[in-house]
């Protein structure tokens, strides 16, 4: 919202009812917005969007659709990766001046794979309060809809574009005992499934989640090998989240196997390098592996 909006009565609309928005204390508000279905907005998010002195967003055209749906006046300001160096300090200056700033991404929760992380850092460094307004989040929607274990999970963002980078990244994550969640392009999902089946194993459980909360929402569940075969030569449209289940229990290295690996690696390289290589191969913590290696050396009298 602009300087001219500060004294105006701000409202938002639920159905046909206009509801006054309460003034907000000066802070950076990170507001989650719908990832598809506009009905997924929360009442607190609406109140925050209507009440903020300044509203920043990735694409003003996208955010305008949401604001018009709920009768929220004011002009949003653009804040995205291409203008962050210029727009970021302006938003911090607004906070310095005692104004409230709300930040939204095009869809979902700000700071998750978007430049809002930088603005959050700047606000904290400047001593300002940062307030999350929780709501829709594509990784969590995909996780709970996938049917895969949710007791431990890792959101790993986008995989590298090049094949070698994707292979290396999947290999790094292969032994982590948690469900893995990735954003993926519809144009690359077929190739990624083939690579994942090769690196992680064709029998590892997975789910391709497409167009979450939208009209053509789809969940395809099955082993990686079967999913890879389904997507060969298939045109995929819409936004995709790939969820891959954790490795089977017998794929997670036992403590005795790790000890043997550490001893073998340490016989030909320094302890720090041995721990780093063991971490790459097992997905375990490099710090913990280094500490274990020191304990093994002390126990051996070396």
C-alpha atoms as a PDB file:
ATOM      1  CA  UNK A   1       0.000   0.000   0.000  1.00  0.00           C
ATOM      2  CA  UNK A   2       1.148   3.540  -0.674  1.00  0.00           C
ATOM      3  CA  UNK A   3       1.647   6.544   1.607  1.00  0.00           C
ATOM      4  CA  UNK A   4      -1.819   7.815   0.616  1.00  0.00           C
ATOM      5  CA  UNK A   5      -3.428   4.673   2.055  1.00  0.00           C
ATOM      6  CA  UNK A   6      -2.165   5.108   5.616  1.00  0.00           C
ATOM      7  CA  UNK A   7      -5.091   7.105   6.936  1.00  0.00           C
ATOM      8  CA  UNK A   8      -7.776   5.266   5.020  1.00  0.00           C
ATOM      9  CA  UNK A   9     -10.192   2.781   6.574  1.00  0.00           C
ATOM     10  CA  UNK A  10      -9.018  -0.612   5.368  1.00  0.00           C
ATOM     11  CA  UNK A  11     -11.311  -3.564   4.954  1.00  0.00           C
ATOM     12  CA  UNK A  12     -11.384  -7.036   3.509  1.00  0.00           C
ATOM     13  CA  UNK A  13     -14.377  -8.970   2.316  1.00  0.00           C
ATOM     14  CA  UNK A  14     -15.592 -12.422   3.361  1.00  0.00           C
ATOM     15  CA  UNK A  15     -18.527 -13.296   1.133  1.00  0.00           C
ATOM     16  CA  UNK A  16     -20.526 -10.067   0.863  1.00  0.00           C
ATOM     17  CA  UNK A  17     -19.443  -8.749   4.258  1.00  0.00           C
ATOM     18  CA  UNK A  18     -16.772  -6.016   4.477  1.00  0.00           C
ATOM     19  CA  UNK A  19     -14.733  -6.447   7.670  1.00  0.00           C
ATOM     20  CA  UNK A  20     -12.544  -3.637   9.093  1.00  0.00           C
ATOM     21  CA  UNK A  21      -8.874  -4.544   9.386  1.00  0.00           C
ATOM     22  CA  UNK A  22      -7.088  -3.796  12.636  1.00  0.00           C
ATOM     23  CA  UNK A  23      -3.916  -1.653  12.555  1.00  0.00           C
ATOM     24  CA  UNK A  24      -0.725  -3.704  12.641  1.00  0.00           C
ATOM     25  CA  UNK A  25       2.329  -3.078  14.779  1.00  0.00           C
ATOM     26  CA  UNK A  26       5.514  -2.261  12.825  1.00  0.00           C
ATOM     27  CA  UNK A  27       7.021  -5.550  11.644  1.00  0.00           C
ATOM     28  CA  UNK A  28       7.730  -7.626   8.551  1.00  0.00           C
ATOM     29  CA  UNK A  29       4.795 -10.004   8.055  1.00  0.00           C
ATOM     30  CA  UNK A  30       5.457 -13.092   5.918  1.00  0.00           C
ATOM     31  CA  UNK A  31       2.017 -14.009   4.605  1.00  0.00           C
ATOM     32  CA  UNK A  32       1.251 -17.410   3.073  1.00  0.00           C
ATOM     33  CA  UNK A  33      -1.174 -17.202   0.132  1.00  0.00           C
ATOM     34  CA  UNK A  34      -3.063 -19.896  -1.815  1.00  0.00           C
ATOM     35  CA  UNK A  35      -1.056 -22.195  -4.099  1.00  0.00           C
ATOM     36  CA  UNK A  36      -4.016 -22.581  -6.420  1.00  0.00           C
ATOM     37  CA  UNK A  37      -7.460 -22.466  -4.835  1.00  0.00           C
ATOM     38  CA  UNK A  38      -8.104 -18.897  -3.649  1.00  0.00           C
ATOM     39  CA  UNK A  39     -10.444 -20.250  -0.992  1.00  0.00           C
ATOM     40  CA  UNK A  40      -7.431 -21.512   0.956  1.00  0.00           C
ATOM     41  CA  UNK A  41      -6.537 -18.029   2.253  1.00  0.00           C
ATOM     42  CA  UNK A  42      -6.776 -17.669   6.044  1.00  0.00           C
ATOM     43  CA  UNK A  43      -8.736 -14.942   7.835  1.00  0.00           C
ATOM     44  CA  UNK A  44      -5.556 -13.796   9.571  1.00  0.00           C
ATOM     45  CA  UNK A  45      -3.814 -13.497   6.199  1.00  0.00           C
ATOM     46  CA  UNK A  46      -6.654 -11.363   4.835  1.00  0.00           C
ATOM     47  CA  UNK A  47      -6.571  -9.106   7.875  1.00  0.00           C
ATOM     48  CA  UNK A  48      -2.801  -8.726   7.520  1.00  0.00           C
ATOM     49  CA  UNK A  49      -2.925  -7.960   3.796  1.00  0.00           C
ATOM     50  CA  UNK A  50      -5.652  -5.367   4.362  1.00  0.00           C
ATOM     51  CA  UNK A  51      -4.029  -3.807   7.418  1.00  0.00           C
ATOM     52  CA  UNK A  52      -0.382  -3.549   6.327  1.00  0.00           C
ATOM     53  CA  UNK A  53       1.008  -0.107   5.495  1.00  0.00           C
ATOM     54  CA  UNK A  54       3.087  -1.622   2.680  1.00  0.00           C
ATOM     55  CA  UNK A  55       2.381  -4.790   0.700  1.00  0.00           C
ATOM     56  CA  UNK A  56       5.261  -6.305  -1.300  1.00  0.00           C
ATOM     57  CA  UNK A  57       4.888  -9.183  -3.748  1.00  0.00           C
ATOM     58  CA  UNK A  58       6.682 -11.069  -6.526  1.00  0.00           C
ATOM     59  CA  UNK A  59       4.245 -10.155  -9.312  1.00  0.00           C
ATOM     60  CA  UNK A  60       1.716  -7.362  -8.763  1.00  0.00           C
ATOM     61  CA  UNK A  61      -0.621  -8.840 -11.400  1.00  0.00           C
ATOM     62  CA  UNK A  62      -0.821 -12.182  -9.599  1.00  0.00           C
ATOM     63  CA  UNK A  63      -1.356 -10.594  -6.190  1.00  0.00           C
ATOM     64  CA  UNK A  64      -3.947  -8.177  -7.598  1.00  0.00           C
ATOM     65  CA  UNK A  65      -6.179 -11.157  -8.489  1.00  0.00           C
ATOM     66  CA  UNK A  66      -6.140 -12.272  -4.838  1.00  0.00           C
ATOM     67  CA  UNK A  67      -6.702  -8.754  -3.499  1.00  0.00           C
ATOM     68  CA  UNK A  68      -9.635  -8.133  -5.840  1.00  0.00           C
ATOM     69  CA  UNK A  69     -11.222 -11.443  -4.842  1.00  0.00           C
ATOM     70  CA  UNK A  70     -11.353 -10.278  -1.217  1.00  0.00           C
ATOM     71  CA  UNK A  71     -12.009  -6.573  -1.762  1.00  0.00           C
ATOM     72  CA  UNK A  72      -8.629  -5.327  -0.493  1.00  0.00           C
ATOM     73  CA  UNK A  73      -7.665  -1.873  -1.788  1.00  0.00           C
ATOM     74  CA  UNK A  74      -4.194  -0.431  -2.226  1.00  0.00           C
ATOM     75  CA  UNK A  75      -1.368  -0.903  -4.711  1.00  0.00           C
ATOM     76  CA  UNK A  76       1.136  -3.699  -4.023  1.00  0.00           C
ATOM     77  CA  UNK A  77       4.838  -3.049  -4.654  1.00  0.00           C
ATOM     78  CA  UNK A  78       7.046  -5.455  -6.613  1.00  0.00           C
ATOM     79  CA  UNK A  79       9.807  -7.298  -4.743  1.00  0.00           C
ATOM     80  CA  UNK A  80      11.506 -10.119  -6.650  1.00  0.00           C
ATOM     81  CA  UNK A  81      14.941 -11.522  -7.467  1.00  0.00           C
ATOM     82  CA  UNK A  82      15.552  -8.959 -10.213  1.00  0.00           C
ATOM     83  CA  UNK A  83      14.894  -5.835  -8.117  1.00  0.00           C
ATOM     84  CA  UNK A  84      15.728  -7.096  -4.596  1.00  0.00           C
ATOM     85  CA  UNK A  85      18.877  -4.940  -4.332  1.00  0.00           C
ATOM     86  CA  UNK A  86      16.811  -1.808  -4.939  1.00  0.00           C
ATOM     87  CA  UNK A  87      13.436  -2.713  -3.416  1.00  0.00           C
ATOM     88  CA  UNK A  88      14.825  -4.420  -0.296  1.00  0.00           C
ATOM     89  CA  UNK A  89      16.391  -1.286   1.250  1.00  0.00           C
ATOM     90  CA  UNK A  90      13.179   0.668   0.499  1.00  0.00           C
ATOM     91  CA  UNK A  91      11.146  -1.879   2.448  1.00  0.00           C
ATOM     92  CA  UNK A  92      13.623  -1.798   5.337  1.00  0.00           C
ATOM     93  CA  UNK A  93      13.370   2.000   5.313  1.00  0.00           C
ATOM     94  CA  UNK A  94       9.602   1.650   5.663  1.00  0.00           C
ATOM     95  CA  UNK A  95      10.141  -0.564   8.709  1.00  0.00           C
ATOM     96  CA  UNK A  96      12.653   1.951  10.081  1.00  0.00           C
ATOM     97  CA  UNK A  97       9.922   4.587   9.729  1.00  0.00           C
ATOM     98  CA  UNK A  98       7.544   2.628  11.945  1.00  0.00           C
ATOM     99  CA  UNK A  99       5.416   1.132   9.183  1.00  0.00           C
ATOM    100  CA  UNK A 100       4.159  -2.432   8.844  1.00  0.00           C
ATOM    101  CA  UNK A 101       5.276  -4.398   5.778  1.00  0.00           C
ATOM    102  CA  UNK A 102       3.582  -7.543   4.468  1.00  0.00           C
ATOM    103  CA  UNK A 103       5.414  -9.801   2.021  1.00  0.00           C
ATOM    104  CA  UNK A 104       3.773 -12.432  -0.183  1.00  0.00           C
ATOM    105  CA  UNK A 105       5.106 -14.691  -2.931  1.00  0.00           C
ATOM    106  CA  UNK A 106       3.102 -15.565  -6.032  1.00  0.00           C
ATOM    107  CA  UNK A 107       1.794 -18.644  -4.232  1.00  0.00           C
ATOM    108  CA  UNK A 108       2.447 -20.460  -0.980  1.00  0.00           C
ATOM    109  CA  UNK A 109       4.704 -19.470   1.892  1.00  0.00           C
ATOM    110  CA  UNK A 110       7.242 -16.635   1.415  1.00  0.00           C
ATOM    111  CA  UNK A 111      10.950 -17.470   1.811  1.00  0.00           C
ATOM    112  CA  UNK A 112      10.419 -21.057   0.530  1.00  0.00           C
ATOM    113  CA  UNK A 113      12.434 -21.043  -2.726  1.00  0.00           C
ATOM    114  CA  UNK A 114      11.997 -17.307  -3.348  1.00  0.00           C
ATOM    115  CA  UNK A 115      14.031 -14.120  -2.695  1.00  0.00           C
ATOM    116  CA  UNK A 116      12.028 -13.221   0.416  1.00  0.00           C
ATOM    117  CA  UNK A 117      14.739 -14.941   2.460  1.00  0.00           C
ATOM    118  CA  UNK A 118      17.047 -12.000   1.780  1.00  0.00           C
ATOM    119  CA  UNK A 119      14.462  -9.483   2.972  1.00  0.00           C
ATOM    120  CA  UNK A 120      13.870 -11.485   6.141  1.00  0.00           C
ATOM    121  CA  UNK A 121      17.602 -11.436   6.853  1.00  0.00           C
ATOM    122  CA  UNK A 122      17.811  -7.684   6.285  1.00  0.00           C
ATOM    123  CA  UNK A 123      14.867  -7.046   8.599  1.00  0.00           C
ATOM    124  CA  UNK A 124      16.347  -9.151  11.390  1.00  0.00           C
ATOM    125  CA  UNK A 125      19.782  -7.550  10.995  1.00  0.00           C
ATOM    126  CA  UNK A 126      18.121  -4.137  11.278  1.00  0.00           C
ATOM    127  CA  UNK A 127      16.472  -5.191  14.536  1.00  0.00           C
ATOM    128  CA  UNK A 128      12.916  -5.478  13.247  1.00  0.00           C
ATOM    129  CA  UNK A 129      10.344  -8.059  14.256  1.00  0.00           C
ATOM    130  CA  UNK A 130       9.508 -10.761  11.701  1.00  0.00           C
ATOM    131  CA  UNK A 131       6.046 -12.335  12.009  1.00  0.00           C
ATOM    132  CA  UNK A 132       5.058 -15.484  10.065  1.00  0.00           C
ATOM    133  CA  UNK A 133       1.409 -15.692   8.990  1.00  0.00           C
ATOM    134  CA  UNK A 134       1.149 -19.441   8.230  1.00  0.00           C
ATOM    135  CA  UNK A 135      -1.036 -21.020   5.602  1.00  0.00           C
ATOM    136  CA  UNK A 136      -0.735 -22.868   2.281  1.00  0.00           C
ATOM    137  CA  UNK A 137       2.595 -24.532   1.488  1.00  0.00           C
ATOM    138  CA  UNK A 138       3.138 -26.747  -1.571  1.00  0.00           C
ATOM    139  CA  UNK A 139       5.778 -29.073  -0.021  1.00  0.00           C
ATOM    140  CA  UNK A 140       3.535 -29.879   2.952  1.00  0.00           C
ATOM    141  CA  UNK A 141       0.434 -30.282   0.788  1.00  0.00           C
ATOM    142  CA  UNK A 142       2.343 -32.739  -1.399  1.00  0.00           C
ATOM    143  CA  UNK A 143       3.717 -34.617   1.603  1.00  0.00           C
ATOM    144  CA  UNK A 144       0.380 -35.191   3.301  1.00  0.00           C
ATOM    145  CA  UNK A 145      -1.305 -36.117   0.018  1.00  0.00           C
ATOM    146  CA  UNK A 146       1.445 -38.497  -1.114  1.00  0.00           C
ATOM    147  CA  UNK A 147       0.744 -41.233   1.409  1.00  0.00           C
ATOM    148  CA  UNK A 148       4.470 -41.454   2.194  1.00  0.00           C
ATOM    149  CA  UNK A 149       5.961 -41.301   5.725  1.00  0.00           C
ATOM    150  CA  UNK A 150       5.734 -37.848   7.266  1.00  0.00           C
ATOM    151  CA  UNK A 151       7.449 -38.397  10.627  1.00  0.00           C
ATOM    152  CA  UNK A 152      10.742 -37.164   9.122  1.00  0.00           C
ATOM    153  CA  UNK A 153      11.092 -35.280   5.857  1.00  0.00           C
ATOM    154  CA  UNK A 154      13.522 -33.036   3.982  1.00  0.00           C
ATOM    155  CA  UNK A 155      12.493 -30.295   1.562  1.00  0.00           C
ATOM    156  CA  UNK A 156      15.385 -29.981  -0.902  1.00  0.00           C
ATOM    157  CA  UNK A 157      14.021 -27.314  -3.259  1.00  0.00           C
ATOM    158  CA  UNK A 158      14.800 -27.619  -6.957  1.00  0.00           C
ATOM    159  CA  UNK A 159      17.205 -30.255  -8.267  1.00  0.00           C
ATOM    160  CA  UNK A 160      20.041 -29.024 -10.536  1.00  0.00           C
ATOM    161  CA  UNK A 161      19.171 -28.571 -14.205  1.00  0.00           C
ATOM    162  CA  UNK A 162      22.057 -30.632 -15.605  1.00  0.00           C
ATOM    163  CA  UNK A 163      21.894 -34.424 -15.405  1.00  0.00           C
ATOM    164  CA  UNK A 164      25.203 -34.848 -13.567  1.00  0.00           C
ATOM    165  CA  UNK A 165      24.139 -32.288 -10.985  1.00  0.00           C
ATOM    166  CA  UNK A 166      20.850 -34.113 -10.421  1.00  0.00           C
ATOM    167  CA  UNK A 167      22.628 -37.448 -10.070  1.00  0.00           C
ATOM    168  CA  UNK A 168      25.156 -36.048  -7.611  1.00  0.00           C
ATOM    169  CA  UNK A 169      22.491 -34.331  -5.516  1.00  0.00           C
ATOM    170  CA  UNK A 170      20.298 -37.437  -5.336  1.00  0.00           C
ATOM    171  CA  UNK A 171      23.333 -39.524  -4.392  1.00  0.00           C
ATOM    172  CA  UNK A 172      24.083 -37.102  -1.536  1.00  0.00           C
ATOM    173  CA  UNK A 173      20.528 -37.492  -0.229  1.00  0.00           C
ATOM    174  CA  UNK A 174      20.100 -41.190  -0.976  1.00  0.00           C
ATOM    175  CA  UNK A 175      20.758 -42.576   2.509  1.00  0.00           C
ATOM    176  CA  UNK A 176      19.000 -39.911   4.557  1.00  0.00           C
ATOM    177  CA  UNK A 177      16.288 -41.724   6.586  1.00  0.00           C
ATOM    178  CA  UNK A 178      13.533 -39.287   5.652  1.00  0.00           C
ATOM    179  CA  UNK A 179      11.001 -38.589   2.913  1.00  0.00           C
ATOM    180  CA  UNK A 180      12.486 -36.255   0.293  1.00  0.00           C
ATOM    181  CA  UNK A 181      10.488 -33.401  -1.275  1.00  0.00           C
ATOM    182  CA  UNK A 182      11.523 -31.550  -4.448  1.00  0.00           C
ATOM    183  CA  UNK A 183      10.106 -28.879  -6.714  1.00  0.00           C
ATOM    184  CA  UNK A 184      10.488 -29.922 -10.351  1.00  0.00           C
ATOM    185  CA  UNK A 185       9.753 -28.474 -13.764  1.00  0.00           C
ATOM    186  CA  UNK A 186       7.027 -30.261 -15.772  1.00  0.00           C
ATOM    187  CA  UNK A 187       9.511 -30.361 -18.673  1.00  0.00           C
ATOM    188  CA  UNK A 188      12.128 -32.241 -16.610  1.00  0.00           C
ATOM    189  CA  UNK A 189      10.022 -34.539 -14.446  1.00  0.00           C
ATOM    190  CA  UNK A 190      10.264 -37.502 -16.861  1.00  0.00           C
ATOM    191  CA  UNK A 191      14.074 -37.349 -16.986  1.00  0.00           C
ATOM    192  CA  UNK A 192      14.292 -36.779 -13.235  1.00  0.00           C
ATOM    193  CA  UNK A 193      12.240 -39.903 -12.530  1.00  0.00           C
ATOM    194  CA  UNK A 194      14.563 -41.980 -14.720  1.00  0.00           C
ATOM    195  CA  UNK A 195      17.621 -40.585 -12.928  1.00  0.00           C
ATOM    196  CA  UNK A 196      16.028 -41.040  -9.498  1.00  0.00           C
ATOM    197  CA  UNK A 197      15.128 -44.655 -10.270  1.00  0.00           C
ATOM    198  CA  UNK A 198      18.727 -45.290 -11.325  1.00  0.00           C
ATOM    199  CA  UNK A 199      20.354 -43.530  -8.352  1.00  0.00           C
ATOM    200  CA  UNK A 200      17.883 -44.372  -5.564  1.00  0.00           C
ATOM    201  CA  UNK A 201      16.559 -47.682  -6.864  1.00  0.00           C
ATOM    202  CA  UNK A 202      13.591 -48.524  -9.078  1.00  0.00           C
ATOM    203  CA  UNK A 203      11.599 -49.956  -6.167  1.00  0.00           C
ATOM    204  CA  UNK A 204      11.784 -46.893  -3.925  1.00  0.00           C
ATOM    205  CA  UNK A 205       8.308 -45.446  -3.280  1.00  0.00           C
ATOM    206  CA  UNK A 206       7.457 -42.032  -4.690  1.00  0.00           C
ATOM    207  CA  UNK A 207       4.612 -39.731  -5.672  1.00  0.00           C
ATOM    208  CA  UNK A 208       4.351 -37.125  -8.433  1.00  0.00           C
ATOM    209  CA  UNK A 209       2.036 -34.340  -7.194  1.00  0.00           C
ATOM    210  CA  UNK A 210       0.757 -32.008  -9.900  1.00  0.00           C
ATOM    211  CA  UNK A 211      -1.427 -28.887  -9.847  1.00  0.00           C
ATOM    212  CA  UNK A 212      -1.984 -29.027  -6.086  1.00  0.00           C
ATOM    213  CA  UNK A 213      -5.350 -27.592  -4.903  1.00  0.00           C
ATOM    214  CA  UNK A 214      -6.324 -26.743  -8.504  1.00  0.00           C
ATOM    215  CA  UNK A 215      -9.035 -28.175 -10.746  1.00  0.00           C
ATOM    216  CA  UNK A 216      -6.795 -30.849 -12.270  1.00  0.00           C
ATOM    217  CA  UNK A 217      -4.968 -31.830  -9.073  1.00  0.00           C
ATOM    218  CA  UNK A 218      -3.265 -35.211  -9.504  1.00  0.00           C
ATOM    219  CA  UNK A 219      -1.290 -37.638  -7.343  1.00  0.00           C
ATOM    220  CA  UNK A 220       0.516 -40.509  -9.066  1.00  0.00           C
ATOM    221  CA  UNK A 221       1.925 -42.957  -6.548  1.00  0.00           C
ATOM    222  CA  UNK A 222       4.185 -45.948  -7.083  1.00  0.00           C
ATOM    223  CA  UNK A 223       7.783 -47.182  -7.263  1.00  0.00           C
ATOM    224  CA  UNK A 224      10.204 -44.828  -9.027  1.00  0.00           C
ATOM    225  CA  UNK A 225      10.744 -47.308 -11.859  1.00  0.00           C
ATOM    226  CA  UNK A 226       7.026 -47.555 -12.615  1.00  0.00           C
ATOM    227  CA  UNK A 227       6.530 -43.802 -12.441  1.00  0.00           C
ATOM    228  CA  UNK A 228       9.492 -43.258 -14.777  1.00  0.00           C
ATOM    229  CA  UNK A 229       7.898 -45.612 -17.308  1.00  0.00           C
ATOM    230  CA  UNK A 230       4.552 -43.792 -17.053  1.00  0.00           C
ATOM    231  CA  UNK A 231       6.053 -40.412 -17.887  1.00  0.00           C
ATOM    232  CA  UNK A 232       8.172 -41.471 -20.876  1.00  0.00           C
ATOM    233  CA  UNK A 233       7.211 -39.353 -23.917  1.00  0.00           C
ATOM    234  CA  UNK A 234       4.344 -37.806 -21.946  1.00  0.00           C
ATOM    235  CA  UNK A 235       3.656 -34.061 -22.055  1.00  0.00           C
ATOM    236  CA  UNK A 236       3.303 -32.740 -18.518  1.00  0.00           C
ATOM    237  CA  UNK A 237       1.645 -29.414 -17.689  1.00  0.00           C
ATOM    238  CA  UNK A 238       1.353 -27.479 -14.457  1.00  0.00           C
ATOM    239  CA  UNK A 239       3.442 -27.192 -11.326  1.00  0.00           C
ATOM    240  CA  UNK A 240       4.999 -30.381  -9.976  1.00  0.00           C
ATOM    241  CA  UNK A 241       6.209 -31.519  -6.558  1.00  0.00           C
ATOM    242  CA  UNK A 242       8.100 -34.824  -6.413  1.00  0.00           C
ATOM    243  CA  UNK A 243       7.953 -36.733  -3.134  1.00  0.00           C
ATOM    244  CA  UNK A 244      10.272 -39.730  -2.623  1.00  0.00           C
ATOM    245  CA  UNK A 245       9.943 -42.071   0.332  1.00  0.00           C
ATOM    246  CA  UNK A 246      12.828 -42.871   2.697  1.00  0.00           C
ATOM    247  CA  UNK A 247      15.217 -45.744   1.986  1.00  0.00           C
ATOM    248  CA  UNK A 248      14.238 -49.177   3.241  1.00  0.00           C
ATOM    249  CA  UNK A 249      15.605 -50.068   6.659  1.00  0.00           C
ATOM    250  CA  UNK A 250      18.158 -52.427   5.148  1.00  0.00           C
ATOM    251  CA  UNK A 251      19.474 -49.562   2.981  1.00  0.00           C
ATOM    252  CA  UNK A 252      20.454 -47.459   6.011  1.00  0.00           C
ATOM    253  CA  UNK A 253      24.000 -48.352   7.077  1.00  0.00           C
ATOM    254  CA  UNK A 254      24.311 -50.069  10.446  1.00  0.00           C
ATOM    255  CA  UNK A 255      26.724 -48.652  13.018  1.00  0.00           C
ATOM    256  CA  UNK A 256      29.154 -51.551  12.583  1.00  0.00           C
ATOM    257  CA  UNK A 257      29.193 -50.983   8.792  1.00  0.00           C
ATOM    258  CA  UNK A 258      29.927 -47.303   9.303  1.00  0.00           C
ATOM    259  CA  UNK A 259      32.810 -48.120  11.626  1.00  0.00           C
ATOM    260  CA  UNK A 260      34.324 -50.457   9.036  1.00  0.00           C
ATOM    261  CA  UNK A 261      33.921 -47.787   6.355  1.00  0.00           C
ATOM    262  CA  UNK A 262      35.545 -45.116   8.540  1.00  0.00           C
ATOM    263  CA  UNK A 263      38.546 -47.352   9.320  1.00  0.00           C
ATOM    264  CA  UNK A 264      39.036 -48.198   5.645  1.00  0.00           C
ATOM    265  CA  UNK A 265      38.814 -44.578   4.533  1.00  0.00           C
ATOM    266  CA  UNK A 266      41.104 -43.361   7.332  1.00  0.00           C
ATOM    267  CA  UNK A 267      43.768 -45.831   6.267  1.00  0.00           C
ATOM    268  CA  UNK A 268      44.337 -43.884   3.056  1.00  0.00           C
ATOM    269  CA  UNK A 269      43.368 -40.271   3.865  1.00  0.00           C
ATOM    270  CA  UNK A 270      43.299 -37.729   6.727  1.00  0.00           C
ATOM    271  CA  UNK A 271      40.534 -38.030   9.318  1.00  0.00           C
ATOM    272  CA  UNK A 272      38.681 -34.895   8.175  1.00  0.00           C
ATOM    273  CA  UNK A 273      38.637 -36.067   4.566  1.00  0.00           C
ATOM    274  CA  UNK A 274      37.632 -39.592   5.618  1.00  0.00           C
ATOM    275  CA  UNK A 275      34.682 -38.224   7.587  1.00  0.00           C
ATOM    276  CA  UNK A 276      33.623 -36.035   4.673  1.00  0.00           C
ATOM    277  CA  UNK A 277      33.750 -38.961   2.247  1.00  0.00           C
ATOM    278  CA  UNK A 278      31.812 -41.195   4.652  1.00  0.00           C
ATOM    279  CA  UNK A 279      29.192 -38.451   5.004  1.00  0.00           C
ATOM    280  CA  UNK A 280      28.836 -38.277   1.228  1.00  0.00           C
ATOM    281  CA  UNK A 281      28.428 -42.048   0.959  1.00  0.00           C
ATOM    282  CA  UNK A 282      26.033 -42.521   3.872  1.00  0.00           C
ATOM    283  CA  UNK A 283      24.118 -39.256   4.166  1.00  0.00           C
ATOM    284  CA  UNK A 284      25.105 -39.069   7.840  1.00  0.00           C
ATOM    285  CA  UNK A 285      26.509 -36.006   9.625  1.00  0.00           C
ATOM    286  CA  UNK A 286      30.159 -35.278   8.779  1.00  0.00           C
ATOM    287  CA  UNK A 287      30.687 -33.855  12.279  1.00  0.00           C
ATOM    288  CA  UNK A 288      29.269 -36.989  13.938  1.00  0.00           C
ATOM    289  CA  UNK A 289      31.304 -39.262  11.672  1.00  0.00           C
ATOM    290  CA  UNK A 290      34.492 -37.351  12.462  1.00  0.00           C
ATOM    291  CA  UNK A 291      33.811 -37.668  16.181  1.00  0.00           C
ATOM    292  CA  UNK A 292      33.176 -41.403  15.772  1.00  0.00           C
ATOM    293  CA  UNK A 293      36.427 -41.809  13.863  1.00  0.00           C
ATOM    294  CA  UNK A 294      38.354 -40.087  16.666  1.00  0.00           C
ATOM    295  CA  UNK A 295      36.694 -42.452  19.171  1.00  0.00           C
ATOM    296  CA  UNK A 296      37.688 -45.453  17.056  1.00  0.00           C
ATOM    297  CA  UNK A 297      41.301 -44.245  16.852  1.00  0.00           C
ATOM    298  CA  UNK A 298      41.428 -43.668  20.612  1.00  0.00           C
ATOM    299  CA  UNK A 299      40.033 -47.156  21.196  1.00  0.00           C
ATOM    300  CA  UNK A 300      42.662 -48.643  18.899  1.00  0.00           C
ATOM    301  CA  UNK A 301      45.359 -46.847  20.810  1.00  0.00           C
ATOM    302  CA  UNK A 302      46.158 -44.650  17.842  1.00  0.00           C
END
